[in-house]
């Protein structure tokens, strides 16, 4: 347990890619993949100024494929010229969970 915490705090690469789904306070959703998801989520907060309300993070070798499938399926929910989606968090979470 302590080793995992130290690994997370030092930013060492995770063993598997992670897929993450974030819901911000304004209701906007972001999906992405990272081997350092907690670091990436912090970076998104710093760069966008958005505050994360809910998050769903799962390690999976399928992360990249599921992210691509998510983006394709919910293309019509994408906010124009951004990487954010206007959709409900539970629907996005269920979509990802079914495919992992």
Protein backbone atom coordinates (compact mmCIF):
# COMPACT_ATOMS: atom_id res chain seq x y z
CA UNK A 1 0.00 0.00 0.00
CA UNK A 2 2.73 2.47 0.92
CA UNK A 3 4.68 1.53 -2.23
CA UNK A 4 1.67 2.32 -4.37
CA UNK A 5 1.22 5.68 -2.66
CA UNK A 6 4.90 6.56 -3.13
CA UNK A 7 4.70 5.48 -6.76
CA UNK A 8 1.66 7.71 -7.30
CA UNK A 9 3.25 10.68 -5.52
CA UNK A 10 6.54 10.40 -7.40
CA UNK A 11 4.80 10.17 -10.75
CA UNK A 12 6.35 6.89 -11.78
CA UNK A 13 4.58 5.32 -14.76
CA UNK A 14 1.66 3.07 -14.03
CA UNK A 15 1.89 -0.46 -15.34
CA UNK A 16 -1.20 -0.11 -17.56
CA UNK A 17 -2.97 2.66 -19.43
CA UNK A 18 -5.96 4.09 -17.60
CA UNK A 19 -9.14 5.49 -19.06
CA UNK A 20 -10.70 8.36 -17.19
CA UNK A 21 -14.04 10.10 -17.38
CA UNK A 22 -14.35 13.46 -15.66
CA UNK A 23 -17.43 15.51 -14.89
CA UNK A 24 -16.81 19.14 -14.07
CA UNK A 25 -18.94 21.41 -11.87
CA UNK A 26 -20.52 22.97 -14.97
CA UNK A 27 -21.74 19.51 -16.11
CA UNK A 28 -19.25 19.15 -18.97
CA UNK A 29 -17.57 15.73 -19.48
CA UNK A 30 -14.04 14.84 -20.60
CA UNK A 31 -12.73 11.39 -21.51
CA UNK A 32 -9.09 10.47 -21.92
CA UNK A 33 -6.32 7.96 -21.35
CA UNK A 34 -3.11 8.21 -19.34
CA UNK A 35 -0.55 6.03 -17.60
CA UNK A 36 -0.53 8.67 -14.85
CA UNK A 37 -4.23 9.52 -14.52
CA UNK A 38 -4.12 11.47 -11.25
CA UNK A 39 -1.32 13.66 -12.57
CA UNK A 40 -3.22 14.16 -15.84
CA UNK A 41 -6.44 15.11 -14.01
CA UNK A 42 -4.53 17.72 -11.99
CA UNK A 43 -2.98 19.06 -15.20
CA UNK A 44 -6.44 19.37 -16.83
CA UNK A 45 -7.70 21.30 -13.81
CA UNK A 46 -4.72 23.68 -13.93
CA UNK A 47 -4.99 24.32 -17.68
CA UNK A 48 -8.79 24.57 -17.98
CA UNK A 49 -9.66 26.07 -14.59
CA UNK A 50 -12.52 23.59 -14.35
CA UNK A 51 -13.23 21.86 -11.04
CA UNK A 52 -13.78 18.09 -11.15
CA UNK A 53 -17.08 17.07 -9.57
CA UNK A 54 -16.95 13.32 -10.31
CA UNK A 55 -14.40 10.99 -11.85
CA UNK A 56 -14.23 7.40 -13.04
CA UNK A 57 -10.74 5.94 -13.54
CA UNK A 58 -9.95 2.35 -14.54
CA UNK A 59 -6.74 0.62 -15.60
CA UNK A 60 -7.18 -1.49 -18.72
CA UNK A 61 -5.17 -2.62 -21.73
CA UNK A 62 -8.32 -1.71 -23.71
CA UNK A 63 -8.20 1.95 -22.60
CA UNK A 64 -7.17 3.42 -25.97
CA UNK A 65 -9.74 1.42 -27.95
CA UNK A 66 -12.55 2.24 -25.52
CA UNK A 67 -11.67 5.95 -25.60
CA UNK A 68 -11.80 5.93 -29.42
CA UNK A 69 -15.13 4.11 -29.38
CA UNK A 70 -16.51 6.61 -26.83
CA UNK A 71 -15.46 9.61 -28.94
CA UNK A 72 -16.98 8.08 -32.07
CA UNK A 73 -20.27 7.14 -30.38
CA UNK A 74 -20.78 10.49 -28.65
CA UNK A 75 -19.47 12.72 -31.47
CA UNK A 76 -22.84 14.52 -31.57
CA UNK A 77 -22.41 15.49 -27.88
CA UNK A 78 -18.98 17.04 -28.39
CA UNK A 79 -18.77 20.76 -27.71
CA UNK A 80 -17.61 22.39 -30.94
CA UNK A 81 -13.84 22.97 -31.22
CA UNK A 82 -13.14 21.47 -27.77
CA UNK A 83 -12.24 18.15 -26.20
CA UNK A 84 -15.31 18.30 -23.93
CA UNK A 85 -18.72 16.67 -24.20
CA UNK A 86 -22.17 17.86 -23.17
CA UNK A 87 -23.73 14.66 -21.85
CA UNK A 88 -24.67 12.89 -18.63
CA UNK A 89 -21.87 11.35 -16.55
CA UNK A 90 -23.75 8.10 -15.68
CA UNK A 91 -24.30 7.33 -19.37
CA UNK A 92 -20.62 7.84 -20.17
CA UNK A 93 -19.52 5.78 -17.18
CA UNK A 94 -21.85 2.91 -18.09
CA UNK A 95 -20.62 2.95 -21.70
CA UNK A 96 -16.99 2.66 -20.58
CA UNK A 97 -17.66 0.06 -17.86
CA UNK A 98 -19.46 -2.25 -20.32
CA UNK A 99 -16.46 -2.26 -22.65
CA UNK A 100 -13.65 -2.85 -20.17
